[in-house]
Amino acid sequence: MSATSEKQPDTTTGHSDGQEATKSDGHTRVTVLVALAANLVIAVAKAVGGIFAGSPALLSEAAHSVADSLNEVFLLAALSRSRRPPDARHPFGYGKERFFWSLLAAVGIFVMGGCFSFFQGFEAIRSGAEEKLSGYIAGLVVLGVAFVAEGVSLIRAVRQAHRQGEGVGDVQDPALRTVLAEDGTAVLGVTFAAIGMVLHMLTGQAVWEGCASILIGGLLVYVAYRLGRDARDQLIGEAADPELTGRIRELLRAQPEIDSVEALFTMKTGIDSALVAARIDLVPGMDSEEVEEVAVRIKRSVAEMFPEAGQIFLDVTDRDHTGHDHTDRAAHESPAATGERGGA
């Protein structure tokens, strides 16, 4: 077999990717801190205003802001813990920590936000309530301030998503995705609460605020379900982006030493890393040393072309002229069969 020219791995690629990931995490951390500060101030204002005005819709929004504040703490923990390097107990790293904390945030939204809002809404419809004009005015002022604060936080999160080249609906980072969902829901929730208070003030019927609270609760439950479903998919082993998988398959098929790609599996191990495992058949006539050299070169090509492929495994077989697979045990036990990036 003729010698194949081998491109040396770009040692700066991993360092550059790490810098980009750290920079992105820094932007996300600032976004989360902005959301946390806004939610803490708003939660206190809504709670005081809700008690003073006797408004169930405002108290529901206070519970929503408390839930969001707790969730921001979860997200900050996710940002710091998910970048820890791999170790003996976690050889694939801690990238999935982000998905775990995102799941806890979804549970917090459901329990502390959705359930409390439903309770406040049904209680208002059952018992009814009367408010003074000063109570309505105080409540509406608090909601106005909350709308502005949540809007500012939402705008920052949207700008960050666009800065990262992602649409609002295509955000991969669960921390940023959770902030977008929380702030978007908060803006809608404040709008529902304000409409409920105005209708209550005009008609004297507390049922309007009760209905607003129930709408807020339903909105929070839906958001919690969507966030929880995404986190579940990623925790149980979601495949990498289909486009990435297709490009890796094309690269493997383009290698002259590969006769066929029998199987290709990918799994997200973090927001910007994935495990890649492929079963490939090589052209006939290679000995174990040639198989190892080819496998190492192929893995280096994949690692250089796709930096997000953090772990690469090749199951190499050698198909002879009879059509039978002869898997060389030495090839399986060599570095070429390991998950090392580049195989060396």
C-alpha atoms as a PDB file:
ATOM      1  CA  MET A   1       0.000   0.000   0.000  1.00  0.00           C
ATOM      2  CA  SER A   2       1.418   3.383  -0.947  1.00  0.00           C
ATOM      3  CA  ALA A   3       2.243   5.819   1.778  1.00  0.00           C
ATOM      4  CA  THR A   4      -0.502   8.283   2.489  1.00  0.00           C
ATOM      5  CA  SER A   5       0.388  11.890   3.223  1.00  0.00           C
ATOM      6  CA  GLU A   6      -0.852  12.723   6.695  1.00  0.00           C
ATOM      7  CA  LYS A   7      -1.814  16.210   7.806  1.00  0.00           C
ATOM      8  CA  GLN A   8      -0.597  16.962  11.290  1.00  0.00           C
ATOM      9  CA  PRO A   9      -3.372  17.870  13.738  1.00  0.00           C
ATOM     10  CA  ASP A  10      -3.807  21.574  14.337  1.00  0.00           C
ATOM     11  CA  THR A  11      -2.862  21.876  17.981  1.00  0.00           C
ATOM     12  CA  THR A  12      -4.364  25.349  18.153  1.00  0.00           C
ATOM     13  CA  THR A  13      -7.847  24.155  17.226  1.00  0.00           C
ATOM     14  CA  GLY A  14      -8.757  22.750  20.619  1.00  0.00           C
ATOM     15  CA  HIS A  15      -7.336  25.807  22.387  1.00  0.00           C
ATOM     16  CA  SER A  16      -9.270  28.160  20.089  1.00  0.00           C
ATOM     17  CA  ASP A  17     -12.491  26.186  20.595  1.00  0.00           C
ATOM     18  CA  GLY A  18     -11.953  26.312  24.354  1.00  0.00           C
ATOM     19  CA  GLN A  19     -11.530  30.077  24.239  1.00  0.00           C
ATOM     20  CA  GLU A  20     -14.710  30.468  22.200  1.00  0.00           C
ATOM     21  CA  ALA A  21     -16.630  28.229  24.626  1.00  0.00           C
ATOM     22  CA  THR A  22     -15.325  30.209  27.617  1.00  0.00           C
ATOM     23  CA  LYS A  23     -16.264  33.500  25.949  1.00  0.00           C
ATOM     24  CA  SER A  24     -19.751  32.186  25.146  1.00  0.00           C
ATOM     25  CA  ASP A  25     -20.152  30.995  28.742  1.00  0.00           C
ATOM     26  CA  GLY A  26     -19.122  34.441  29.950  1.00  0.00           C
ATOM     27  CA  HIS A  27     -21.823  36.110  27.851  1.00  0.00           C
ATOM     28  CA  THR A  28     -24.402  33.577  29.053  1.00  0.00           C
ATOM     29  CA  ARG A  29     -23.378  34.100  32.681  1.00  0.00           C
ATOM     30  CA  VAL A  30     -23.903  37.862  32.357  1.00  0.00           C
ATOM     31  CA  THR A  31     -27.304  37.256  30.750  1.00  0.00           C
ATOM     32  CA  VAL A  32     -28.310  34.938  33.608  1.00  0.00           C
ATOM     33  CA  LEU A  33     -27.087  37.427  36.232  1.00  0.00           C
ATOM     34  CA  VAL A  34     -29.085  40.228  34.595  1.00  0.00           C
ATOM     35  CA  ALA A  35     -32.181  38.008  34.636  1.00  0.00           C
ATOM     36  CA  LEU A  36     -31.544  37.039  38.279  1.00  0.00           C
ATOM     37  CA  ALA A  37     -31.197  40.659  39.417  1.00  0.00           C
ATOM     38  CA  ALA A  38     -34.349  41.653  37.540  1.00  0.00           C
ATOM     39  CA  ASN A  39     -36.364  38.748  38.936  1.00  0.00           C
ATOM     40  CA  LEU A  40     -35.306  39.348  42.548  1.00  0.00           C
ATOM     41  CA  VAL A  41     -36.313  43.014  42.436  1.00  0.00           C
ATOM     42  CA  ILE A  42     -39.523  42.251  40.590  1.00  0.00           C
ATOM     43  CA  ALA A  43     -40.466  39.381  42.931  1.00  0.00           C
ATOM     44  CA  VAL A  44     -40.276  41.674  45.965  1.00  0.00           C
ATOM     45  CA  ALA A  45     -42.225  44.444  44.205  1.00  0.00           C
ATOM     46  CA  LYS A  46     -44.935  42.046  43.004  1.00  0.00           C
ATOM     47  CA  ALA A  47     -45.299  40.405  46.404  1.00  0.00           C
ATOM     48  CA  VAL A  48     -45.615  43.748  48.223  1.00  0.00           C
ATOM     49  CA  GLY A  49     -47.968  45.104  45.563  1.00  0.00           C
ATOM     50  CA  GLY A  50     -50.035  41.907  45.515  1.00  0.00           C
ATOM     51  CA  ILE A  51     -50.492  41.902  49.290  1.00  0.00           C
ATOM     52  CA  PHE A  52     -51.274  45.621  49.368  1.00  0.00           C
ATOM     53  CA  ALA A  53     -53.739  45.421  46.473  1.00  0.00           C
ATOM     54  CA  GLY A  54     -55.104  41.974  47.370  1.00  0.00           C
ATOM     55  CA  SER A  55     -54.495  40.915  43.782  1.00  0.00           C
ATOM     56  CA  PRO A  56     -54.312  37.165  43.039  1.00  0.00           C
ATOM     57  CA  ALA A  57     -52.900  37.848  39.565  1.00  0.00           C
ATOM     58  CA  LEU A  58     -50.102  39.942  41.053  1.00  0.00           C
ATOM     59  CA  LEU A  59     -49.336  37.291  43.679  1.00  0.00           C
ATOM     60  CA  SER A  60     -49.208  34.697  40.897  1.00  0.00           C
ATOM     61  CA  GLU A  61     -46.676  36.844  39.090  1.00  0.00           C
ATOM     62  CA  ALA A  62     -44.678  37.159  42.323  1.00  0.00           C
ATOM     63  CA  ALA A  63     -44.533  33.350  42.558  1.00  0.00           C
ATOM     64  CA  HIS A  64     -43.458  33.269  38.919  1.00  0.00           C
ATOM     65  CA  SER A  65     -40.581  35.676  39.617  1.00  0.00           C
ATOM     66  CA  VAL A  66     -39.472  33.710  42.698  1.00  0.00           C
ATOM     67  CA  ALA A  67     -39.407  30.526  40.613  1.00  0.00           C
ATOM     68  CA  ASP A  68     -37.405  32.286  37.904  1.00  0.00           C
ATOM     69  CA  SER A  69     -34.903  33.581  40.476  1.00  0.00           C
ATOM     70  CA  LEU A  70     -34.313  30.087  41.840  1.00  0.00           C
ATOM     71  CA  ASN A  71     -33.922  28.784  38.314  1.00  0.00           C
ATOM     72  CA  GLU A  72     -31.262  31.374  37.554  1.00  0.00           C
ATOM     73  CA  VAL A  73     -29.284  30.027  40.527  1.00  0.00           C
ATOM     74  CA  PHE A  74     -29.578  26.536  38.996  1.00  0.00           C
ATOM     75  CA  LEU A  75     -28.339  27.867  35.658  1.00  0.00           C
ATOM     76  CA  LEU A  76     -25.328  29.574  37.247  1.00  0.00           C
ATOM     77  CA  ALA A  77     -24.433  26.249  38.862  1.00  0.00           C
ATOM     78  CA  ALA A  78     -24.761  24.557  35.475  1.00  0.00           C
ATOM     79  CA  LEU A  79     -22.396  27.035  33.827  1.00  0.00           C
ATOM     80  CA  SER A  80     -19.652  26.527  36.401  1.00  0.00           C
ATOM     81  CA  ARG A  81     -19.969  22.748  36.806  1.00  0.00           C
ATOM     82  CA  SER A  82     -20.418  21.696  33.175  1.00  0.00           C
ATOM     83  CA  ARG A  83     -16.936  22.884  32.095  1.00  0.00           C
ATOM     84  CA  ARG A  84     -15.024  20.656  34.497  1.00  0.00           C
ATOM     85  CA  PRO A  85     -12.510  18.447  32.669  1.00  0.00           C
ATOM     86  CA  PRO A  86     -13.049  14.683  32.300  1.00  0.00           C
ATOM     87  CA  ASP A  87     -11.805  12.449  35.096  1.00  0.00           C
ATOM     88  CA  ALA A  88     -11.688   8.743  35.925  1.00  0.00           C
ATOM     89  CA  ARG A  89     -15.321   8.657  37.090  1.00  0.00           C
ATOM     90  CA  HIS A  90     -16.608  10.794  34.228  1.00  0.00           C
ATOM     91  CA  PRO A  91     -14.379  10.063  31.219  1.00  0.00           C
ATOM     92  CA  PHE A  92     -16.711  11.926  28.835  1.00  0.00           C
ATOM     93  CA  GLY A  93     -16.705  15.072  30.937  1.00  0.00           C
ATOM     94  CA  TYR A  94     -19.444  16.969  32.728  1.00  0.00           C
ATOM     95  CA  GLY A  95     -21.142  18.627  29.757  1.00  0.00           C
ATOM     96  CA  LYS A  96     -24.499  17.026  30.547  1.00  0.00           C
ATOM     97  CA  GLU A  97     -24.642  18.900  33.857  1.00  0.00           C
ATOM     98  CA  ARG A  98     -26.245  21.748  31.912  1.00  0.00           C
ATOM     99  CA  PHE A  99     -29.081  19.488  30.865  1.00  0.00           C
ATOM    100  CA  PHE A 100     -29.597  18.262  34.438  1.00  0.00           C
ATOM    101  CA  TRP A 101     -29.819  21.752  35.939  1.00  0.00           C
ATOM    102  CA  SER A 102     -32.084  22.809  33.094  1.00  0.00           C
ATOM    103  CA  LEU A 103     -34.396  19.938  34.051  1.00  0.00           C
ATOM    104  CA  LEU A 104     -34.439  21.158  37.661  1.00  0.00           C
ATOM    105  CA  ALA A 105     -35.291  24.640  36.407  1.00  0.00           C
ATOM    106  CA  ALA A 106     -38.247  23.202  34.470  1.00  0.00           C
ATOM    107  CA  VAL A 107     -39.482  21.438  37.616  1.00  0.00           C
ATOM    108  CA  GLY A 108     -39.153  24.716  39.542  1.00  0.00           C
ATOM    109  CA  ILE A 109     -41.214  26.586  36.956  1.00  0.00           C
ATOM    110  CA  PHE A 110     -43.912  23.898  37.102  1.00  0.00           C
ATOM    111  CA  VAL A 111     -44.171  23.591  40.899  1.00  0.00           C
ATOM    112  CA  MET A 112     -43.412  27.111  42.176  1.00  0.00           C
ATOM    113  CA  GLY A 113     -44.871  29.020  39.253  1.00  0.00           C
ATOM    114  CA  GLY A 114     -47.593  26.995  37.540  1.00  0.00           C
ATOM    115  CA  CYS A 115     -49.154  25.231  40.519  1.00  0.00           C
ATOM    116  CA  PHE A 116     -49.236  28.351  42.707  1.00  0.00           C
ATOM    117  CA  SER A 117     -50.798  30.374  39.887  1.00  0.00           C
ATOM    118  CA  PHE A 118     -53.542  27.781  39.445  1.00  0.00           C
ATOM    119  CA  PHE A 119     -54.210  27.849  43.196  1.00  0.00           C
ATOM    120  CA  GLN A 120     -54.436  31.655  43.274  1.00  0.00           C
ATOM    121  CA  GLY A 121     -56.710  31.705  40.237  1.00  0.00           C
ATOM    122  CA  PHE A 122     -59.217  29.147  41.518  1.00  0.00           C
ATOM    123  CA  GLU A 123     -59.175  30.727  44.966  1.00  0.00           C
ATOM    124  CA  ALA A 124     -59.990  34.159  43.484  1.00  0.00           C
ATOM    125  CA  ILE A 125     -62.868  32.749  41.428  1.00  0.00           C
ATOM    126  CA  ARG A 126     -64.229  30.856  44.439  1.00  0.00           C
ATOM    127  CA  SER A 127     -64.073  33.626  47.037  1.00  0.00           C
ATOM    128  CA  GLY A 128     -64.093  36.859  45.050  1.00  0.00           C
ATOM    129  CA  ALA A 129     -62.296  40.033  46.201  1.00  0.00           C
ATOM    130  CA  GLU A 130     -62.805  43.757  46.344  1.00  0.00           C
ATOM    131  CA  GLU A 131     -60.063  46.342  45.970  1.00  0.00           C
ATOM    132  CA  LYS A 132     -59.728  50.068  46.483  1.00  0.00           C
ATOM    133  CA  LEU A 133     -58.688  52.305  43.605  1.00  0.00           C
ATOM    134  CA  SER A 134     -55.309  52.844  45.270  1.00  0.00           C
ATOM    135  CA  GLY A 135     -54.774  49.085  45.234  1.00  0.00           C
ATOM    136  CA  TYR A 136     -55.417  48.874  41.495  1.00  0.00           C
ATOM    137  CA  ILE A 137     -53.077  51.773  40.795  1.00  0.00           C
ATOM    138  CA  ALA A 138     -50.279  50.286  42.949  1.00  0.00           C
ATOM    139  CA  GLY A 139     -50.681  46.914  41.252  1.00  0.00           C
ATOM    140  CA  LEU A 140     -50.588  48.376  37.752  1.00  0.00           C
ATOM    141  CA  VAL A 141     -47.500  50.463  38.580  1.00  0.00           C
ATOM    142  CA  VAL A 142     -45.698  47.344  39.825  1.00  0.00           C
ATOM    143  CA  LEU A 143     -46.682  45.462  36.674  1.00  0.00           C
ATOM    144  CA  GLY A 144     -45.436  48.330  34.526  1.00  0.00           C
ATOM    145  CA  VAL A 145     -42.031  48.272  36.209  1.00  0.00           C
ATOM    146  CA  ALA A 146     -41.931  44.482  35.905  1.00  0.00           C
ATOM    147  CA  PHE A 147     -42.761  44.667  32.202  1.00  0.00           C
ATOM    148  CA  VAL A 148     -39.864  47.055  31.561  1.00  0.00           C
ATOM    149  CA  ALA A 149     -37.363  45.017  33.618  1.00  0.00           C
ATOM    150  CA  GLU A 150     -38.370  41.687  32.073  1.00  0.00           C
ATOM    151  CA  GLY A 151     -38.336  43.267  28.625  1.00  0.00           C
ATOM    152  CA  VAL A 152     -34.766  44.511  29.087  1.00  0.00           C
ATOM    153  CA  SER A 153     -33.647  41.057  30.218  1.00  0.00           C
ATOM    154  CA  LEU A 154     -35.448  39.425  27.282  1.00  0.00           C
ATOM    155  CA  ILE A 155     -33.858  41.811  24.768  1.00  0.00           C
ATOM    156  CA  ARG A 156     -30.383  40.986  26.085  1.00  0.00           C
ATOM    157  CA  ALA A 157     -31.066  37.235  25.822  1.00  0.00           C
ATOM    158  CA  VAL A 158     -32.380  37.604  22.258  1.00  0.00           C
ATOM    159  CA  ARG A 159     -29.338  39.666  21.257  1.00  0.00           C
ATOM    160  CA  GLN A 160     -27.012  37.036  22.674  1.00  0.00           C
ATOM    161  CA  ALA A 161     -28.803  34.310  20.704  1.00  0.00           C
ATOM    162  CA  HIS A 162     -28.385  36.352  17.513  1.00  0.00           C
ATOM    163  CA  ARG A 163     -24.723  37.077  18.395  1.00  0.00           C
ATOM    164  CA  GLN A 164     -24.132  33.325  18.557  1.00  0.00           C
ATOM    165  CA  GLY A 165     -25.694  32.926  15.108  1.00  0.00           C
ATOM    166  CA  GLU A 166     -28.820  31.191  16.401  1.00  0.00           C
ATOM    167  CA  GLY A 167     -32.492  31.994  16.095  1.00  0.00           C
ATOM    168  CA  VAL A 168     -34.581  32.251  19.252  1.00  0.00           C
ATOM    169  CA  GLY A 169     -36.116  28.845  18.526  1.00  0.00           C
ATOM    170  CA  ASP A 170     -32.785  27.178  17.695  1.00  0.00           C
ATOM    171  CA  VAL A 171     -30.739  27.969  20.812  1.00  0.00           C
ATOM    172  CA  GLN A 172     -28.596  24.972  21.845  1.00  0.00           C
ATOM    173  CA  ASP A 173     -27.389  26.222  25.226  1.00  0.00           C
ATOM    174  CA  PRO A 174     -30.022  25.106  27.796  1.00  0.00           C
ATOM    175  CA  ALA A 175     -29.075  27.977  30.128  1.00  0.00           C
ATOM    176  CA  LEU A 176     -29.723  30.629  27.485  1.00  0.00           C
ATOM    177  CA  ARG A 177     -32.787  28.758  26.242  1.00  0.00           C
ATOM    178  CA  THR A 178     -34.225  28.730  29.777  1.00  0.00           C
ATOM    179  CA  VAL A 179     -33.620  32.473  30.234  1.00  0.00           C
ATOM    180  CA  LEU A 180     -35.342  33.185  26.905  1.00  0.00           C
ATOM    181  CA  ALA A 181     -38.311  31.022  27.882  1.00  0.00           C
ATOM    182  CA  GLU A 182     -38.582  32.555  31.356  1.00  0.00           C
ATOM    183  CA  ASP A 183     -38.324  36.162  30.198  1.00  0.00           C
ATOM    184  CA  GLY A 184     -40.687  35.648  27.283  1.00  0.00           C
ATOM    185  CA  THR A 185     -43.197  33.971  29.580  1.00  0.00           C
ATOM    186  CA  ALA A 186     -42.758  36.749  32.151  1.00  0.00           C
ATOM    187  CA  VAL A 187     -43.588  39.466  29.604  1.00  0.00           C
ATOM    188  CA  LEU A 188     -46.733  37.581  28.571  1.00  0.00           C
ATOM    189  CA  GLY A 189     -47.616  36.857  32.207  1.00  0.00           C
ATOM    190  CA  VAL A 190     -47.336  40.505  33.205  1.00  0.00           C
ATOM    191  CA  THR A 191     -49.585  41.406  30.260  1.00  0.00           C
ATOM    192  CA  PHE A 192     -52.201  38.835  31.339  1.00  0.00           C
ATOM    193  CA  ALA A 193     -52.053  40.075  34.942  1.00  0.00           C
ATOM    194  CA  ALA A 194     -52.489  43.714  33.895  1.00  0.00           C
ATOM    195  CA  ILE A 195     -55.485  42.862  31.681  1.00  0.00           C
ATOM    196  CA  GLY A 196     -57.036  40.899  34.558  1.00  0.00           C
ATOM    197  CA  MET A 197     -56.574  43.783  36.989  1.00  0.00           C
ATOM    198  CA  VAL A 198     -58.031  46.353  34.582  1.00  0.00           C
ATOM    199  CA  LEU A 199     -61.094  44.191  33.902  1.00  0.00           C
ATOM    200  CA  HIS A 200     -61.519  43.611  37.633  1.00  0.00           C
ATOM    201  CA  MET A 201     -61.324  47.365  38.223  1.00  0.00           C
ATOM    202  CA  LEU A 202     -63.879  48.132  35.494  1.00  0.00           C
ATOM    203  CA  THR A 203     -66.384  45.385  36.273  1.00  0.00           C
ATOM    204  CA  GLY A 204     -65.848  44.748  39.980  1.00  0.00           C
ATOM    205  CA  GLN A 205     -65.652  41.011  39.204  1.00  0.00           C
ATOM    206  CA  ALA A 206     -62.646  39.189  40.670  1.00  0.00           C
ATOM    207  CA  VAL A 207     -63.214  36.359  38.208  1.00  0.00           C
ATOM    208  CA  TRP A 208     -61.155  38.292  35.638  1.00  0.00           C
ATOM    209  CA  GLU A 209     -58.066  38.265  37.811  1.00  0.00           C
ATOM    210  CA  GLY A 210     -58.716  34.629  38.647  1.00  0.00           C
ATOM    211  CA  CYS A 211     -58.831  33.779  34.954  1.00  0.00           C
ATOM    212  CA  ALA A 212     -55.621  35.761  34.401  1.00  0.00           C
ATOM    213  CA  SER A 213     -53.905  33.723  37.119  1.00  0.00           C
ATOM    214  CA  ILE A 214     -55.079  30.472  35.534  1.00  0.00           C
ATOM    215  CA  LEU A 215     -53.804  31.635  32.128  1.00  0.00           C
ATOM    216  CA  ILE A 216     -50.432  32.460  33.697  1.00  0.00           C
ATOM    217  CA  GLY A 217     -50.380  29.021  35.336  1.00  0.00           C
ATOM    218  CA  GLY A 218     -51.196  27.291  32.052  1.00  0.00           C
ATOM    219  CA  LEU A 219     -48.449  29.246  30.281  1.00  0.00           C
ATOM    220  CA  LEU A 220     -45.892  28.292  32.936  1.00  0.00           C
ATOM    221  CA  VAL A 221     -46.859  24.609  32.840  1.00  0.00           C
ATOM    222  CA  TYR A 222     -46.462  24.581  29.037  1.00  0.00           C
ATOM    223  CA  VAL A 223     -43.040  26.244  29.205  1.00  0.00           C
ATOM    224  CA  ALA A 224     -41.953  23.842  31.955  1.00  0.00           C
ATOM    225  CA  TYR A 225     -43.069  20.889  29.816  1.00  0.00           C
ATOM    226  CA  ARG A 226     -41.115  22.107  26.773  1.00  0.00           C
ATOM    227  CA  LEU A 227     -37.937  22.785  28.775  1.00  0.00           C
ATOM    228  CA  GLY A 228     -38.256  19.485  30.639  1.00  0.00           C
ATOM    229  CA  ARG A 229     -38.796  17.529  27.419  1.00  0.00           C
ATOM    230  CA  ASP A 230     -35.685  19.042  25.815  1.00  0.00           C
ATOM    231  CA  ALA A 231     -33.590  18.334  28.919  1.00  0.00           C
ATOM    232  CA  ARG A 232     -34.870  14.740  29.067  1.00  0.00           C
ATOM    233  CA  ASP A 233     -33.944  14.093  25.424  1.00  0.00           C
ATOM    234  CA  GLN A 234     -30.426  15.386  25.996  1.00  0.00           C
ATOM    235  CA  LEU A 235     -29.917  13.543  29.273  1.00  0.00           C
ATOM    236  CA  ILE A 236     -30.904  10.129  27.904  1.00  0.00           C
ATOM    237  CA  GLY A 237     -28.545  10.441  24.930  1.00  0.00           C
ATOM    238  CA  GLU A 238     -29.771  12.644  22.097  1.00  0.00           C
ATOM    239  CA  ALA A 239     -28.015  12.252  18.753  1.00  0.00           C
ATOM    240  CA  ALA A 240     -25.924  15.097  17.399  1.00  0.00           C
ATOM    241  CA  ASP A 241     -27.348  17.422  14.780  1.00  0.00           C
ATOM    242  CA  PRO A 242     -28.372  15.430  11.658  1.00  0.00           C
ATOM    243  CA  GLU A 243     -26.384  17.807   9.461  1.00  0.00           C
ATOM    244  CA  LEU A 244     -23.213  17.132  11.473  1.00  0.00           C
ATOM    245  CA  THR A 245     -23.829  13.383  11.328  1.00  0.00           C
ATOM    246  CA  GLY A 246     -24.323  13.547   7.559  1.00  0.00           C
ATOM    247  CA  ARG A 247     -21.119  15.522   7.036  1.00  0.00           C
ATOM    248  CA  ILE A 248     -19.123  13.039   9.133  1.00  0.00           C
ATOM    249  CA  ARG A 249     -20.576  10.171   7.104  1.00  0.00           C
ATOM    250  CA  GLU A 250     -19.617  11.908   3.854  1.00  0.00           C
ATOM    251  CA  LEU A 251     -16.060  12.440   5.105  1.00  0.00           C
ATOM    252  CA  LEU A 252     -15.730   8.766   6.044  1.00  0.00           C
ATOM    253  CA  ARG A 253     -17.099   7.590   2.701  1.00  0.00           C
ATOM    254  CA  ALA A 254     -14.632   9.848   0.892  1.00  0.00           C
ATOM    255  CA  GLN A 255     -11.643   8.019   2.417  1.00  0.00           C
ATOM    256  CA  PRO A 256     -10.068   5.723  -0.230  1.00  0.00           C
ATOM    257  CA  GLU A 257      -9.300   3.015   2.335  1.00  0.00           C
ATOM    258  CA  ILE A 258     -12.930   2.691   3.481  1.00  0.00           C
ATOM    259  CA  ASP A 259     -15.011   0.207   1.521  1.00  0.00           C
ATOM    260  CA  SER A 260     -18.274   1.055   3.329  1.00  0.00           C
ATOM    261  CA  VAL A 261     -19.623   2.762   6.425  1.00  0.00           C
ATOM    262  CA  GLU A 262     -21.757   0.097   8.085  1.00  0.00           C
ATOM    263  CA  ALA A 263     -23.012   2.246  10.982  1.00  0.00           C
ATOM    264  CA  LEU A 264     -22.517   5.721  12.407  1.00  0.00           C
ATOM    265  CA  PHE A 265     -23.713   6.777  15.861  1.00  0.00           C
ATOM    266  CA  THR A 266     -23.437  10.146  17.563  1.00  0.00           C
ATOM    267  CA  MET A 267     -24.467  11.411  20.988  1.00  0.00           C
ATOM    268  CA  LYS A 268     -24.341  14.865  22.527  1.00  0.00           C
ATOM    269  CA  THR A 269     -22.058  14.975  25.560  1.00  0.00           C
ATOM    270  CA  GLY A 270     -22.430  18.729  26.039  1.00  0.00           C
ATOM    271  CA  ILE A 271     -23.678  21.822  24.258  1.00  0.00           C
ATOM    272  CA  ASP A 272     -20.625  21.903  21.979  1.00  0.00           C
ATOM    273  CA  SER A 273     -19.271  18.351  22.140  1.00  0.00           C
ATOM    274  CA  ALA A 274     -20.360  14.971  20.843  1.00  0.00           C
ATOM    275  CA  LEU A 275     -19.296  11.350  20.880  1.00  0.00           C
ATOM    276  CA  VAL A 276     -18.830   9.740  17.461  1.00  0.00           C
ATOM    277  CA  ALA A 277     -18.756   5.966  16.929  1.00  0.00           C
ATOM    278  CA  ALA A 278     -18.504   4.385  13.477  1.00  0.00           C
ATOM    279  CA  ARG A 279     -18.320   0.816  12.188  1.00  0.00           C
ATOM    280  CA  ILE A 280     -16.360   0.809   8.936  1.00  0.00           C
ATOM    281  CA  ASP A 281     -15.238  -1.858   6.471  1.00  0.00           C
ATOM    282  CA  LEU A 282     -11.816  -1.333   4.926  1.00  0.00           C
ATOM    283  CA  VAL A 283     -10.762  -2.400   1.468  1.00  0.00           C
ATOM    284  CA  PRO A 284      -9.235  -5.911   1.328  1.00  0.00           C
ATOM    285  CA  GLY A 285      -5.573  -6.728   1.728  1.00  0.00           C
ATOM    286  CA  MET A 286      -4.429  -4.615   4.691  1.00  0.00           C
ATOM    287  CA  ASP A 287      -2.346  -6.020   7.507  1.00  0.00           C
ATOM    288  CA  SER A 288      -2.812  -4.977  11.130  1.00  0.00           C
ATOM    289  CA  GLU A 289      -0.154  -2.246  10.980  1.00  0.00           C
ATOM    290  CA  GLU A 290      -1.735  -0.658   7.907  1.00  0.00           C
ATOM    291  CA  VAL A 291      -5.192  -0.869   9.503  1.00  0.00           C
ATOM    292  CA  GLU A 292      -3.937   0.967  12.569  1.00  0.00           C
ATOM    293  CA  GLU A 293      -2.215   3.673  10.534  1.00  0.00           C
ATOM    294  CA  VAL A 294      -5.318   4.232   8.405  1.00  0.00           C
ATOM    295  CA  ALA A 295      -7.621   4.338  11.429  1.00  0.00           C
ATOM    296  CA  VAL A 296      -5.425   6.881  13.193  1.00  0.00           C
ATOM    297  CA  ARG A 297      -5.321   9.087  10.098  1.00  0.00           C
ATOM    298  CA  ILE A 298      -9.093   8.894   9.612  1.00  0.00           C
ATOM    299  CA  LYS A 299      -9.739   9.838  13.216  1.00  0.00           C
ATOM    300  CA  ARG A 300      -7.378  12.781  12.920  1.00  0.00           C
ATOM    301  CA  SER A 301      -9.226  13.927   9.804  1.00  0.00           C
ATOM    302  CA  VAL A 302     -12.568  13.759  11.603  1.00  0.00           C
ATOM    303  CA  ALA A 303     -11.169  15.587  14.654  1.00  0.00           C
ATOM    304  CA  GLU A 304      -9.689  18.383  12.543  1.00  0.00           C
ATOM    305  CA  MET A 305     -12.764  18.801  10.368  1.00  0.00           C
ATOM    306  CA  PHE A 306     -15.276  18.612  13.238  1.00  0.00           C
ATOM    307  CA  PRO A 307     -13.878  20.073  16.497  1.00  0.00           C
ATOM    308  CA  GLU A 308     -17.144  19.229  18.290  1.00  0.00           C
ATOM    309  CA  ALA A 309     -16.294  15.518  17.943  1.00  0.00           C
ATOM    310  CA  GLY A 310     -14.775  15.243  21.405  1.00  0.00           C
ATOM    311  CA  GLN A 311     -14.521  11.437  21.437  1.00  0.00           C
ATOM    312  CA  ILE A 312     -14.121   9.331  18.285  1.00  0.00           C
ATOM    313  CA  PHE A 313     -14.402   5.536  18.186  1.00  0.00           C
ATOM    314  CA  LEU A 314     -13.809   3.406  15.102  1.00  0.00           C
ATOM    315  CA  ASP A 315     -14.817  -0.248  14.869  1.00  0.00           C
ATOM    316  CA  VAL A 316     -12.593  -1.358  11.986  1.00  0.00           C
ATOM    317  CA  THR A 317     -13.128  -4.524   9.943  1.00  0.00           C
ATOM    318  CA  ASP A 318     -11.280  -5.821   6.877  1.00  0.00           C
ATOM    319  CA  ARG A 319     -13.501  -7.359   4.216  1.00  0.00           C
ATOM    320  CA  ASP A 320     -11.724  -9.936   2.038  1.00  0.00           C
ATOM    321  CA  HIS A 321     -12.586 -10.967  -1.510  1.00  0.00           C
ATOM    322  CA  THR A 322     -15.039 -13.616  -0.264  1.00  0.00           C
ATOM    323  CA  GLY A 323     -17.186 -10.987   1.434  1.00  0.00           C
ATOM    324  CA  HIS A 324     -16.327 -12.131   4.977  1.00  0.00           C
ATOM    325  CA  ASP A 325     -15.256  -9.744   7.707  1.00  0.00           C
ATOM    326  CA  HIS A 326     -11.883 -10.405   9.314  1.00  0.00           C
ATOM    327  CA  THR A 327     -11.575  -8.091  12.259  1.00  0.00           C
ATOM    328  CA  ASP A 328      -7.992  -7.891  13.435  1.00  0.00           C
ATOM    329  CA  ARG A 329      -7.899  -8.196  17.210  1.00  0.00           C
ATOM    330  CA  ALA A 330      -4.704  -6.155  17.322  1.00  0.00           C
ATOM    331  CA  ALA A 331      -6.504  -3.314  15.525  1.00  0.00           C
ATOM    332  CA  HIS A 332      -9.247  -3.321  18.161  1.00  0.00           C
ATOM    333  CA  GLU A 333      -6.720  -3.200  20.974  1.00  0.00           C
ATOM    334  CA  SER A 334      -4.641  -0.451  19.379  1.00  0.00           C
ATOM    335  CA  PRO A 335      -5.059   3.308  19.930  1.00  0.00           C
ATOM    336  CA  ALA A 336      -6.999   3.406  16.656  1.00  0.00           C
ATOM    337  CA  ALA A 337      -9.919   1.674  18.365  1.00  0.00           C
ATOM    338  CA  THR A 338      -9.984   4.047  21.312  1.00  0.00           C
ATOM    339  CA  GLY A 339     -11.895   7.280  21.694  1.00  0.00           C
ATOM    340  CA  GLU A 340      -8.824   9.472  21.667  1.00  0.00           C
ATOM    341  CA  ARG A 341      -9.161  12.444  19.323  1.00  0.00           C
ATOM    342  CA  GLY A 342      -6.726  11.716  16.533  1.00  0.00           C
ATOM    343  CA  GLY A 343      -6.029   8.207  17.769  1.00  0.00           C
ATOM    344  CA  ALA A 344      -2.480   8.910  18.892  1.00  0.00           C
END
